[in-house]
Amino acid sequence: MKRYYGAKHLHFITGSCYHRWPRLGTARRRDLFLKIFEETRQRYRFVVLGYVIMPEHFHLLISEPEIGDPSVVMKVVKERFARQVRRDAPSKNQLGLWPDPDEARIWQKRFYDFNVWSERKRIEKLRYMHRNPVKRGLVAEPDQWAWSSFRSYAYGEPGKVRINCQEWPLKIKQRPREKFGECQSPNPTHSQKTRMSGPPVQR
């Protein structure tokens, strides 16, 4: 799977539990995932535009982080979650009560990443995420599923993860100008104020 980073696109990310087993099948597990995800958002400085946490997979729509890249973010979130889950049930592992050695595994390897560069695609992915619990028959209406960003959009609720929020000053990375027939110039371009494609950022 190729990753395309550095273009300031949004990233629609899908991660799955190992063999699609419902490792996120309880409210406690889903709350834990969102807690870790929010802490990672603050640490690596990216904007979350939407999310949904399902019993056996998750979808996220995020900006590229100021620190690292989406692959780093996913590695941190998945590893922290797996460590905490194993820590919560040490006796099971030690006594060999897992039905199968694979039962101790939490995540499928890697993740899927789709670059979102248009407003149409952004809306499409948000609608897909918010309708996912209804489509799966988990709830009758999107606002009944507590582990998605729907209520933040529909009712302005803060939620477990802050949506469209950027608490830090956006850093514009300077790049040298290039002229035809010349080597790269050491003189950087002027900084310009930029806005990420998406809903207004809350201050």
N, C-alpha and C. Protein backbone atom coordinates (compact mmCIF):
# COMPACT_ATOMS: atom_id res chain seq x y z
N MET A 1 0.84 -1.20 0.00
CA MET A 1 0.00 0.00 0.00
C MET A 1 0.87 1.24 0.00
N LYS A 2 0.69 2.08 -1.01
CA LYS A 2 1.47 3.30 -1.10
C LYS A 2 0.85 4.38 -0.24
N ARG A 3 1.71 5.19 0.39
CA ARG A 3 1.25 6.31 1.19
C ARG A 3 1.66 7.59 0.48
N TYR A 4 0.75 8.55 0.42
CA TYR A 4 1.05 9.83 -0.21
C TYR A 4 0.93 10.92 0.83
N TYR A 5 2.10 11.35 1.33
CA TYR A 5 2.16 12.36 2.38
C TYR A 5 2.82 13.63 1.85
N GLY A 6 2.59 14.72 2.53
CA GLY A 6 3.27 15.97 2.21
C GLY A 6 2.49 16.90 1.32
N ALA A 7 1.31 16.49 0.85
CA ALA A 7 0.52 17.34 -0.04
C ALA A 7 -0.54 18.14 0.71
N LYS A 8 -0.55 18.02 2.04
CA LYS A 8 -1.54 18.71 2.87
C LYS A 8 -2.97 18.25 2.57
N HIS A 9 -3.11 17.00 2.10
CA HIS A 9 -4.43 16.42 1.92
C HIS A 9 -4.97 15.97 3.27
N LEU A 10 -6.27 15.73 3.32
CA LEU A 10 -6.85 15.01 4.44
C LEU A 10 -6.63 13.52 4.20
N HIS A 11 -6.71 12.73 5.28
CA HIS A 11 -6.49 11.29 5.16
C HIS A 11 -7.66 10.55 5.79
N PHE A 12 -8.31 9.72 4.96
CA PHE A 12 -9.38 8.86 5.44
C PHE A 12 -8.76 7.51 5.75
N ILE A 13 -8.69 7.19 7.03
CA ILE A 13 -7.94 6.03 7.51
C ILE A 13 -8.90 4.97 8.04
N THR A 14 -8.64 3.73 7.67
CA THR A 14 -9.42 2.59 8.15
C THR A 14 -8.47 1.59 8.79
N GLY A 15 -8.77 1.21 10.03
CA GLY A 15 -8.00 0.19 10.72
C GLY A 15 -8.93 -0.91 11.18
N SER A 16 -8.47 -2.16 11.11
CA SER A 16 -9.31 -3.31 11.45
C SER A 16 -8.69 -4.12 12.58
N CYS A 17 -9.55 -4.72 13.38
CA CYS A 17 -9.10 -5.64 14.40
C CYS A 17 -8.67 -6.96 13.74
N TYR A 18 -7.83 -7.69 14.43
CA TYR A 18 -7.29 -8.93 13.89
C TYR A 18 -8.42 -9.90 13.55
N HIS A 19 -8.42 -10.37 12.30
CA HIS A 19 -9.44 -11.29 11.78
C HIS A 19 -10.85 -10.74 11.93
N ARG A 20 -10.95 -9.41 12.06
CA ARG A 20 -12.24 -8.73 12.21
C ARG A 20 -12.98 -9.18 13.48
N TRP A 21 -12.23 -9.64 14.47
CA TRP A 21 -12.85 -9.97 15.75
C TRP A 21 -13.21 -8.67 16.46
N PRO A 22 -14.26 -8.66 17.26
CA PRO A 22 -14.74 -7.41 17.89
C PRO A 22 -13.93 -6.99 19.10
N ARG A 23 -12.69 -6.60 18.86
CA ARG A 23 -11.83 -6.14 19.95
C ARG A 23 -12.30 -4.77 20.49
N LEU A 24 -13.13 -4.08 19.71
CA LEU A 24 -13.71 -2.82 20.13
C LEU A 24 -15.20 -2.99 20.43
N GLY A 25 -15.54 -4.18 20.86
CA GLY A 25 -16.94 -4.53 21.01
C GLY A 25 -17.62 -4.06 22.28
N THR A 26 -16.88 -3.44 23.20
CA THR A 26 -17.49 -2.93 24.42
C THR A 26 -17.35 -1.42 24.49
N ALA A 27 -18.24 -0.79 25.23
CA ALA A 27 -18.18 0.67 25.40
C ALA A 27 -16.86 1.07 26.05
N ARG A 28 -16.38 0.27 26.99
CA ARG A 28 -15.12 0.59 27.67
C ARG A 28 -13.95 0.60 26.70
N ARG A 29 -13.91 -0.38 25.81
CA ARG A 29 -12.82 -0.43 24.82
C ARG A 29 -12.90 0.75 23.86
N ARG A 30 -14.10 1.09 23.41
CA ARG A 30 -14.24 2.21 22.48
C ARG A 30 -13.88 3.54 23.15
N ASP A 31 -14.27 3.68 24.42
CA ASP A 31 -13.89 4.89 25.17
C ASP A 31 -12.37 4.98 25.32
N LEU A 32 -11.75 3.84 25.59
CA LEU A 32 -10.29 3.81 25.73
C LEU A 32 -9.63 4.22 24.42
N PHE A 33 -10.11 3.69 23.31
CA PHE A 33 -9.53 4.04 22.00
C PHE A 33 -9.62 5.54 21.77
N LEU A 34 -10.78 6.13 22.03
CA LEU A 34 -10.95 7.56 21.78
C LEU A 34 -10.11 8.41 22.72
N LYS A 35 -9.94 7.96 23.95
CA LYS A 35 -9.08 8.67 24.90
C LYS A 35 -7.64 8.72 24.38
N ILE A 36 -7.14 7.57 23.93
CA ILE A 36 -5.78 7.50 23.40
C ILE A 36 -5.67 8.32 22.11
N PHE A 37 -6.68 8.25 21.27
CA PHE A 37 -6.68 9.00 20.01
C PHE A 37 -6.63 10.51 20.27
N GLU A 38 -7.40 10.99 21.22
CA GLU A 38 -7.40 12.42 21.56
C GLU A 38 -6.05 12.85 22.12
N GLU A 39 -5.45 12.04 22.97
CA GLU A 39 -4.12 12.36 23.51
C GLU A 39 -3.08 12.40 22.39
N THR A 40 -3.22 11.50 21.43
CA THR A 40 -2.30 11.47 20.29
C THR A 40 -2.51 12.68 19.40
N ARG A 41 -3.77 13.08 19.22
CA ARG A 41 -4.06 14.29 18.44
C ARG A 41 -3.34 15.51 19.00
N GLN A 42 -3.38 15.66 20.31
CA GLN A 42 -2.73 16.80 20.95
C GLN A 42 -1.21 16.71 20.86
N ARG A 43 -0.69 15.51 21.00
CA ARG A 43 0.77 15.34 21.00
C ARG A 43 1.36 15.56 19.61
N TYR A 44 0.71 15.01 18.58
CA TYR A 44 1.27 15.08 17.23
C TYR A 44 0.67 16.20 16.39
N ARG A 45 -0.27 16.92 16.97
CA ARG A 45 -0.77 18.16 16.40
C ARG A 45 -1.38 17.98 15.01
N PHE A 46 -2.53 17.31 15.00
CA PHE A 46 -3.30 17.21 13.76
C PHE A 46 -4.76 17.53 14.07
N VAL A 47 -5.50 17.81 13.03
CA VAL A 47 -6.92 18.16 13.16
C VAL A 47 -7.75 16.93 12.80
N VAL A 48 -8.73 16.63 13.63
CA VAL A 48 -9.66 15.54 13.37
C VAL A 48 -10.94 16.12 12.79
N LEU A 49 -11.31 15.68 11.60
CA LEU A 49 -12.54 16.15 10.98
C LEU A 49 -13.70 15.20 11.22
N GLY A 50 -13.41 13.94 11.50
CA GLY A 50 -14.47 12.99 11.77
C GLY A 50 -13.91 11.65 12.17
N TYR A 51 -14.78 10.83 12.79
CA TYR A 51 -14.37 9.49 13.19
C TYR A 51 -15.60 8.65 13.49
N VAL A 52 -15.42 7.34 13.45
CA VAL A 52 -16.40 6.40 13.98
C VAL A 52 -15.63 5.17 14.43
N ILE A 53 -15.98 4.68 15.62
CA ILE A 53 -15.36 3.49 16.17
C ILE A 53 -16.41 2.39 16.19
N MET A 54 -16.17 1.35 15.43
CA MET A 54 -17.09 0.22 15.31
C MET A 54 -16.55 -0.96 16.14
N PRO A 55 -17.34 -2.00 16.35
CA PRO A 55 -16.86 -3.12 17.18
C PRO A 55 -15.59 -3.80 16.67
N GLU A 56 -15.40 -3.83 15.32
CA GLU A 56 -14.23 -4.54 14.81
C GLU A 56 -13.36 -3.71 13.87
N HIS A 57 -13.65 -2.42 13.74
CA HIS A 57 -12.80 -1.55 12.92
C HIS A 57 -13.09 -0.10 13.27
N PHE A 58 -12.29 0.79 12.69
CA PHE A 58 -12.51 2.22 12.89
C PHE A 58 -12.22 2.98 11.61
N HIS A 59 -12.84 4.16 11.48
CA HIS A 59 -12.56 5.09 10.39
C HIS A 59 -12.22 6.44 11.00
N LEU A 60 -11.22 7.10 10.45
CA LEU A 60 -10.79 8.43 10.90
C LEU A 60 -10.60 9.33 9.69
N LEU A 61 -10.94 10.59 9.84
CA LEU A 61 -10.64 11.59 8.81
C LEU A 61 -9.82 12.68 9.48
N ILE A 62 -8.54 12.76 9.13
CA ILE A 62 -7.63 13.66 9.82
C ILE A 62 -6.79 14.46 8.83
N SER A 63 -6.22 15.55 9.34
CA SER A 63 -5.23 16.29 8.56
C SER A 63 -3.87 15.64 8.75
N GLU A 64 -2.90 16.05 7.95
CA GLU A 64 -1.55 15.57 8.20
C GLU A 64 -1.02 16.23 9.47
N PRO A 65 -0.37 15.48 10.32
CA PRO A 65 0.11 16.06 11.58
C PRO A 65 1.30 16.99 11.38
N GLU A 66 1.44 17.93 12.31
CA GLU A 66 2.61 18.81 12.29
C GLU A 66 3.86 18.05 12.70
N ILE A 67 3.68 17.02 13.52
CA ILE A 67 4.79 16.19 13.98
C ILE A 67 4.58 14.78 13.43
N GLY A 68 5.57 14.26 12.72
CA GLY A 68 5.43 12.92 12.15
C GLY A 68 4.50 12.91 10.95
N ASP A 69 3.84 11.77 10.73
CA ASP A 69 2.92 11.60 9.62
C ASP A 69 1.81 10.64 10.07
N PRO A 70 0.79 10.41 9.24
CA PRO A 70 -0.30 9.52 9.66
C PRO A 70 0.15 8.12 10.05
N SER A 71 1.22 7.61 9.45
CA SER A 71 1.71 6.28 9.82
C SER A 71 2.21 6.27 11.26
N VAL A 72 2.90 7.33 11.65
CA VAL A 72 3.38 7.44 13.04
C VAL A 72 2.19 7.51 13.99
N VAL A 73 1.20 8.32 13.63
CA VAL A 73 0.01 8.47 14.47
C VAL A 73 -0.67 7.12 14.67
N MET A 74 -0.87 6.35 13.61
CA MET A 74 -1.53 5.06 13.72
C MET A 74 -0.72 4.07 14.53
N LYS A 75 0.58 4.09 14.38
CA LYS A 75 1.44 3.20 15.14
C LYS A 75 1.31 3.48 16.63
N VAL A 76 1.31 4.75 16.99
CA VAL A 76 1.22 5.14 18.40
C VAL A 76 -0.14 4.74 18.97
N VAL A 77 -1.21 5.06 18.27
CA VAL A 77 -2.56 4.77 18.77
C VAL A 77 -2.76 3.27 18.94
N LYS A 78 -2.41 2.49 17.94
CA LYS A 78 -2.64 1.05 17.99
C LYS A 78 -1.78 0.37 19.05
N GLU A 79 -0.53 0.79 19.17
CA GLU A 79 0.35 0.17 20.16
C GLU A 79 -0.08 0.52 21.58
N ARG A 80 -0.44 1.77 21.81
CA ARG A 80 -0.88 2.18 23.15
C ARG A 80 -2.17 1.46 23.54
N PHE A 81 -3.09 1.34 22.60
CA PHE A 81 -4.34 0.65 22.88
C PHE A 81 -4.08 -0.82 23.21
N ALA A 82 -3.27 -1.49 22.40
CA ALA A 82 -2.99 -2.91 22.62
C ALA A 82 -2.33 -3.14 23.97
N ARG A 83 -1.37 -2.28 24.34
CA ARG A 83 -0.71 -2.43 25.64
C ARG A 83 -1.70 -2.29 26.79
N GLN A 84 -2.59 -1.31 26.67
CA GLN A 84 -3.55 -1.08 27.75
C GLN A 84 -4.53 -2.24 27.87
N VAL A 85 -4.99 -2.77 26.75
CA VAL A 85 -5.92 -3.90 26.78
C VAL A 85 -5.26 -5.11 27.43
N ARG A 86 -4.03 -5.38 27.07
CA ARG A 86 -3.33 -6.53 27.66
C ARG A 86 -3.06 -6.32 29.14
N ARG A 87 -2.80 -5.07 29.52
CA ARG A 87 -2.56 -4.76 30.92
C ARG A 87 -3.82 -4.95 31.76
N ASP A 88 -4.96 -4.71 31.14
CA ASP A 88 -6.23 -4.84 31.86
C ASP A 88 -6.60 -6.29 32.12
N ALA A 89 -6.01 -7.24 31.38
CA ALA A 89 -6.35 -8.65 31.56
C ALA A 89 -5.11 -9.52 31.64
N PRO A 90 -4.17 -9.22 32.57
CA PRO A 90 -2.94 -10.01 32.63
C PRO A 90 -3.16 -11.44 33.08
N SER A 91 -4.13 -11.67 33.95
CA SER A 91 -4.34 -13.02 34.47
C SER A 91 -4.77 -13.98 33.36
N LYS A 92 -5.58 -13.49 32.43
CA LYS A 92 -6.03 -14.33 31.33
C LYS A 92 -4.85 -14.85 30.51
N ASN A 93 -3.95 -13.92 30.18
CA ASN A 93 -2.80 -14.31 29.36
C ASN A 93 -1.88 -15.26 30.12
N GLN A 94 -1.62 -14.95 31.39
CA GLN A 94 -0.69 -15.75 32.17
C GLN A 94 -1.21 -17.15 32.43
N LEU A 95 -2.52 -17.29 32.58
CA LEU A 95 -3.10 -18.60 32.86
C LEU A 95 -3.40 -19.39 31.59
N GLY A 96 -3.13 -18.79 30.44
CA GLY A 96 -3.35 -19.47 29.18
C GLY A 96 -4.81 -19.70 28.86
N LEU A 97 -5.64 -18.74 29.22
CA LEU A 97 -7.07 -18.90 29.02
C LEU A 97 -7.56 -18.37 27.68
N TRP A 98 -6.65 -17.83 26.87
CA TRP A 98 -7.08 -17.43 25.53
C TRP A 98 -7.46 -18.69 24.76
N PRO A 99 -8.56 -18.72 24.03
CA PRO A 99 -8.95 -19.90 23.26
C PRO A 99 -7.91 -20.28 22.22
N ASP A 100 -7.17 -19.31 21.75
CA ASP A 100 -6.20 -19.54 20.68
C ASP A 100 -5.11 -18.50 20.83
N PRO A 101 -3.84 -18.81 20.49
CA PRO A 101 -2.79 -17.78 20.59
C PRO A 101 -3.12 -16.50 19.84
N ASP A 102 -3.85 -16.63 18.73
CA ASP A 102 -4.22 -15.44 17.95
C ASP A 102 -5.17 -14.53 18.72
N GLU A 103 -5.84 -15.08 19.74
CA GLU A 103 -6.79 -14.27 20.49
C GLU A 103 -6.10 -13.09 21.19
N ALA A 104 -4.81 -13.23 21.47
CA ALA A 104 -4.08 -12.16 22.15
C ALA A 104 -3.76 -11.01 21.21
N ARG A 105 -3.93 -11.21 19.91
CA ARG A 105 -3.63 -10.16 18.95
C ARG A 105 -4.81 -9.21 18.84
N ILE A 106 -4.51 -7.93 18.73
CA ILE A 106 -5.56 -6.91 18.71
C ILE A 106 -5.84 -6.42 17.30
N TRP A 107 -4.80 -6.06 16.56
CA TRP A 107 -4.97 -5.34 15.29
C TRP A 107 -4.52 -6.15 14.09
N GLN A 108 -5.20 -5.94 12.99
CA GLN A 108 -4.70 -6.39 11.70
C GLN A 108 -3.49 -5.53 11.35
N LYS A 109 -2.54 -6.11 10.65
CA LYS A 109 -1.35 -5.34 10.29
C LYS A 109 -1.70 -4.20 9.35
N ARG A 110 -0.99 -3.10 9.53
CA ARG A 110 -1.11 -1.92 8.67
C ARG A 110 -2.50 -1.31 8.74
N PHE A 111 -2.79 -0.42 7.79
CA PHE A 111 -4.08 0.25 7.75
C PHE A 111 -4.28 0.80 6.33
N TYR A 112 -5.52 1.14 6.01
CA TYR A 112 -5.82 1.72 4.70
C TYR A 112 -5.90 3.23 4.82
N ASP A 113 -5.34 3.92 3.83
CA ASP A 113 -5.27 5.38 3.86
C ASP A 113 -5.67 5.91 2.49
N PHE A 114 -6.74 6.70 2.47
CA PHE A 114 -7.23 7.29 1.22
C PHE A 114 -7.08 8.80 1.32
N ASN A 115 -6.34 9.39 0.37
CA ASN A 115 -6.15 10.85 0.37
C ASN A 115 -7.43 11.55 -0.07
N VAL A 116 -7.88 12.51 0.72
CA VAL A 116 -9.10 13.28 0.44
C VAL A 116 -8.68 14.70 0.11
N TRP A 117 -8.92 15.13 -1.12
CA TRP A 117 -8.43 16.44 -1.55
C TRP A 117 -9.56 17.37 -2.02
N SER A 118 -10.80 16.91 -2.00
CA SER A 118 -11.90 17.75 -2.47
C SER A 118 -12.99 17.83 -1.41
N GLU A 119 -13.78 18.90 -1.48
CA GLU A 119 -14.89 19.08 -0.55
C GLU A 119 -15.93 17.97 -0.74
N ARG A 120 -16.15 17.57 -1.96
CA ARG A 120 -17.13 16.51 -2.23
C ARG A 120 -16.73 15.21 -1.55
N LYS A 121 -15.45 14.86 -1.64
CA LYS A 121 -14.98 13.63 -1.01
C LYS A 121 -15.00 13.74 0.51
N ARG A 122 -14.70 14.93 1.02
CA ARG A 122 -14.73 15.12 2.47
C ARG A 122 -16.13 14.85 3.02
N ILE A 123 -17.14 15.42 2.37
CA ILE A 123 -18.52 15.22 2.80
C ILE A 123 -18.93 13.76 2.63
N GLU A 124 -18.50 13.16 1.54
CA GLU A 124 -18.82 11.75 1.27
C GLU A 124 -18.29 10.86 2.39
N LYS A 125 -17.05 11.08 2.81
CA LYS A 125 -16.45 10.24 3.85
C LYS A 125 -17.10 10.48 5.21
N LEU A 126 -17.44 11.72 5.51
CA LEU A 126 -18.12 12.01 6.77
C LEU A 126 -19.48 11.31 6.82
N ARG A 127 -20.23 11.38 5.75
CA ARG A 127 -21.53 10.72 5.70
C ARG A 127 -21.39 9.21 5.83
N TYR A 128 -20.39 8.67 5.17
CA TYR A 128 -20.16 7.23 5.24
C TYR A 128 -19.88 6.81 6.69
N MET A 129 -19.01 7.54 7.37
CA MET A 129 -18.68 7.20 8.76
C MET A 129 -19.89 7.30 9.66
N HIS A 130 -20.62 8.39 9.56
CA HIS A 130 -21.73 8.64 10.48
C HIS A 130 -22.90 7.67 10.24
N ARG A 131 -23.03 7.16 9.03
CA ARG A 131 -24.11 6.21 8.74
C ARG A 131 -23.71 4.76 9.00
N ASN A 132 -22.43 4.52 9.23
CA ASN A 132 -21.94 3.16 9.40
C ASN A 132 -22.65 2.39 10.52
N PRO A 133 -22.82 2.96 11.72
CA PRO A 133 -23.51 2.22 12.79
C PRO A 133 -24.96 1.90 12.45
N VAL A 134 -25.64 2.79 11.71
CA VAL A 134 -27.02 2.55 11.30
C VAL A 134 -27.07 1.43 10.26
N LYS A 135 -26.17 1.51 9.29
CA LYS A 135 -26.12 0.50 8.24
C LYS A 135 -25.86 -0.89 8.81
N ARG A 136 -25.05 -0.94 9.87
CA ARG A 136 -24.74 -2.23 10.50
C ARG A 136 -25.81 -2.69 11.47
N GLY A 137 -26.83 -1.88 11.70
CA GLY A 137 -27.91 -2.27 12.58
C GLY A 137 -27.61 -2.11 14.06
N LEU A 138 -26.58 -1.33 14.40
CA LEU A 138 -26.22 -1.13 15.80
C LEU A 138 -27.15 -0.12 16.47
N VAL A 139 -27.64 0.86 15.70
CA VAL A 139 -28.56 1.87 16.19
C VAL A 139 -29.54 2.22 15.07
N ALA A 140 -30.61 2.92 15.46
CA ALA A 140 -31.61 3.32 14.46
C ALA A 140 -31.26 4.64 13.80
N GLU A 141 -30.57 5.53 14.54
CA GLU A 141 -30.21 6.85 14.04
C GLU A 141 -28.75 7.13 14.36
N PRO A 142 -28.05 7.93 13.52
CA PRO A 142 -26.62 8.21 13.75
C PRO A 142 -26.33 8.84 15.11
N ASP A 143 -27.23 9.67 15.63
CA ASP A 143 -26.95 10.34 16.89
C ASP A 143 -27.05 9.42 18.10
N GLN A 144 -27.49 8.18 17.90
CA GLN A 144 -27.58 7.22 19.00
C GLN A 144 -26.26 6.49 19.23
N TRP A 145 -25.33 6.64 18.32
CA TRP A 145 -24.02 5.96 18.47
C TRP A 145 -23.04 6.96 19.08
N ALA A 146 -22.61 6.69 20.30
CA ALA A 146 -21.79 7.64 21.06
C ALA A 146 -20.35 7.72 20.58
N TRP A 147 -19.93 6.80 19.73
CA TRP A 147 -18.51 6.73 19.36
C TRP A 147 -18.28 7.16 17.92
N SER A 148 -18.89 8.27 17.55
CA SER A 148 -18.64 8.89 16.26
C SER A 148 -18.69 10.40 16.44
N SER A 149 -18.31 11.12 15.40
CA SER A 149 -18.29 12.58 15.45
C SER A 149 -19.63 13.19 15.06
N PHE A 150 -20.66 12.37 14.84
CA PHE A 150 -21.93 12.90 14.34
C PHE A 150 -22.52 13.94 15.28
N ARG A 151 -22.56 13.69 16.58
CA ARG A 151 -23.19 14.60 17.52
C ARG A 151 -22.42 15.93 17.62
N SER A 152 -21.14 15.89 17.35
CA SER A 152 -20.36 17.14 17.33
C SER A 152 -20.83 18.04 16.19
N TYR A 153 -21.13 17.43 15.04
CA TYR A 153 -21.62 18.20 13.91
C TYR A 153 -23.09 18.59 14.08
N ALA A 154 -23.91 17.65 14.53
CA ALA A 154 -25.35 17.89 14.60
C ALA A 154 -25.76 18.80 15.74
N TYR A 155 -25.09 18.65 16.90
CA TYR A 155 -25.53 19.36 18.10
C TYR A 155 -24.44 20.23 18.73
N GLY A 156 -23.26 20.27 18.14
CA GLY A 156 -22.19 21.09 18.68
C GLY A 156 -21.60 20.55 19.97
N GLU A 157 -21.81 19.27 20.25
CA GLU A 157 -21.27 18.69 21.48
C GLU A 157 -19.76 18.51 21.35
N PRO A 158 -19.01 18.70 22.45
CA PRO A 158 -17.56 18.57 22.38
C PRO A 158 -17.09 17.16 22.05
N GLY A 159 -17.75 16.15 22.58
CA GLY A 159 -17.36 14.78 22.28
C GLY A 159 -16.07 14.37 22.97
N LYS A 160 -15.71 13.11 22.78
CA LYS A 160 -14.50 12.56 23.40
C LYS A 160 -13.25 12.97 22.64
N VAL A 161 -13.41 13.35 21.39
CA VAL A 161 -12.30 13.84 20.55
C VAL A 161 -12.72 15.19 20.00
N ARG A 162 -11.85 16.16 20.08
CA ARG A 162 -12.18 17.51 19.59
C ARG A 162 -12.15 17.54 18.06
N ILE A 163 -13.22 18.05 17.49
CA ILE A 163 -13.39 18.07 16.03
C ILE A 163 -13.07 19.46 15.49
N ASN A 164 -12.31 19.48 14.38
CA ASN A 164 -11.99 20.74 13.70
C ASN A 164 -11.35 21.76 14.64
N CYS A 165 -10.52 21.25 15.52
CA CYS A 165 -9.91 22.12 16.52
C CYS A 165 -8.39 22.09 16.36
N GLN A 166 -7.79 23.27 16.41
CA GLN A 166 -6.34 23.39 16.30
C GLN A 166 -5.86 24.39 17.35
N GLU A 167 -5.29 23.89 18.43
CA GLU A 167 -4.89 24.75 19.55
C GLU A 167 -3.52 25.39 19.36
N TRP A 168 -2.81 24.99 18.34
CA TRP A 168 -1.45 25.43 18.15
C TRP A 168 -1.35 26.29 16.89
N PRO A 169 -0.37 27.18 16.81
CA PRO A 169 -0.19 27.99 15.59
C PRO A 169 0.26 27.11 14.44
N LEU A 170 -0.37 27.29 13.28
CA LEU A 170 -0.01 26.50 12.12
C LEU A 170 1.35 26.93 11.61
N LYS A 171 2.26 25.99 11.48
CA LYS A 171 3.60 26.28 11.00
C LYS A 171 3.67 26.06 9.49
N ILE A 172 4.12 27.07 8.78
CA ILE A 172 4.31 26.95 7.34
C ILE A 172 5.76 26.57 7.08
N LYS A 173 5.96 25.38 6.54
CA LYS A 173 7.32 24.92 6.30
C LYS A 173 7.90 25.62 5.07
N GLN A 174 9.03 26.27 5.27
CA GLN A 174 9.67 27.00 4.20
C GLN A 174 10.34 26.05 3.21
N ARG A 175 10.16 26.34 1.93
CA ARG A 175 10.83 25.54 0.91
C ARG A 175 11.59 26.46 -0.03
N PRO A 176 12.81 26.07 -0.45
CA PRO A 176 13.59 26.93 -1.34
C PRO A 176 12.97 27.03 -2.71
N ARG A 177 13.13 28.21 -3.33
CA ARG A 177 12.66 28.40 -4.70
C ARG A 177 13.58 27.68 -5.68
N GLU A 178 12.98 27.18 -6.73
CA GLU A 178 13.77 26.53 -7.76
C GLU A 178 13.56 27.27 -9.08
N LYS A 179 14.66 27.56 -9.77
CA LYS A 179 14.58 28.22 -11.06
C LYS A 179 15.14 27.29 -12.14
N PHE A 180 14.57 27.43 -13.31
CA PHE A 180 14.98 26.56 -14.41
C PHE A 180 16.47 26.75 -14.70
N GLY A 181 17.20 25.63 -14.72
CA GLY A 181 18.62 25.68 -15.06
C GLY A 181 19.52 26.05 -13.90
N GLU A 182 18.97 26.22 -12.70
CA GLU A 182 19.79 26.57 -11.55
C GLU A 182 19.60 25.54 -10.44
N CYS A 183 20.58 25.50 -9.56
CA CYS A 183 20.44 24.66 -8.38
C CYS A 183 19.42 25.30 -7.45
N GLN A 184 19.01 24.57 -6.44
CA GLN A 184 18.05 25.09 -5.49
C GLN A 184 18.62 26.30 -4.78
N SER A 185 17.84 27.34 -4.71
CA SER A 185 18.26 28.56 -4.03
C SER A 185 18.06 28.43 -2.54
N PRO A 186 18.98 28.96 -1.71
CA PRO A 186 18.82 28.89 -0.27
C PRO A 186 17.78 29.87 0.25
N ASN A 187 17.30 30.81 -0.59
CA ASN A 187 16.35 31.81 -0.14
C ASN A 187 14.95 31.21 -0.06
N PRO A 188 14.32 31.23 1.10
CA PRO A 188 12.99 30.64 1.22
C PRO A 188 11.93 31.57 0.67
N THR A 189 10.78 31.00 0.37
CA THR A 189 9.64 31.80 -0.06
C THR A 189 9.02 32.47 1.15
N HIS A 190 8.20 33.51 0.87
CA HIS A 190 7.51 34.19 1.96
C HIS A 190 6.42 33.30 2.53
N SER A 191 6.20 33.41 3.85
CA SER A 191 5.14 32.65 4.50
C SER A 191 3.80 33.21 4.07
N GLN A 192 2.87 32.32 3.91
CA GLN A 192 1.51 32.73 3.58
C GLN A 192 0.55 32.04 4.54
N LYS A 193 -0.51 32.75 4.85
CA LYS A 193 -1.52 32.14 5.71
C LYS A 193 -2.31 31.15 4.87
N THR A 194 -2.47 29.95 5.42
CA THR A 194 -3.20 28.92 4.71
C THR A 194 -4.32 28.40 5.57
N ARG A 195 -5.30 27.83 4.90
CA ARG A 195 -6.41 27.19 5.60
C ARG A 195 -6.55 25.77 5.10
N MET A 196 -6.80 24.89 6.02
CA MET A 196 -7.03 23.53 5.65
C MET A 196 -8.41 23.39 5.03
N SER A 197 -8.51 22.55 4.00
CA SER A 197 -9.82 22.32 3.38
C SER A 197 -10.71 21.58 4.35
N GLY A 198 -11.83 22.16 4.69
CA GLY A 198 -12.74 21.53 5.62
C GLY A 198 -13.55 22.56 6.35
N PRO A 199 -14.29 22.15 7.39
CA PRO A 199 -15.13 23.07 8.15
C PRO A 199 -14.28 24.09 8.88
N PRO A 200 -14.85 25.21 9.31
CA PRO A 200 -14.08 26.24 10.02
C PRO A 200 -13.44 25.68 11.26
N VAL A 201 -12.21 26.08 11.50
CA VAL A 201 -11.47 25.63 12.68
C VAL A 201 -11.91 26.44 13.89
N GLN A 202 -12.28 25.77 14.96
CA GLN A 202 -12.67 26.45 16.19
C GLN A 202 -11.45 26.92 16.93
N ARG A 203 -11.51 28.08 17.50
CA ARG A 203 -10.39 28.62 18.28
C ARG A 203 -10.70 28.53 19.76
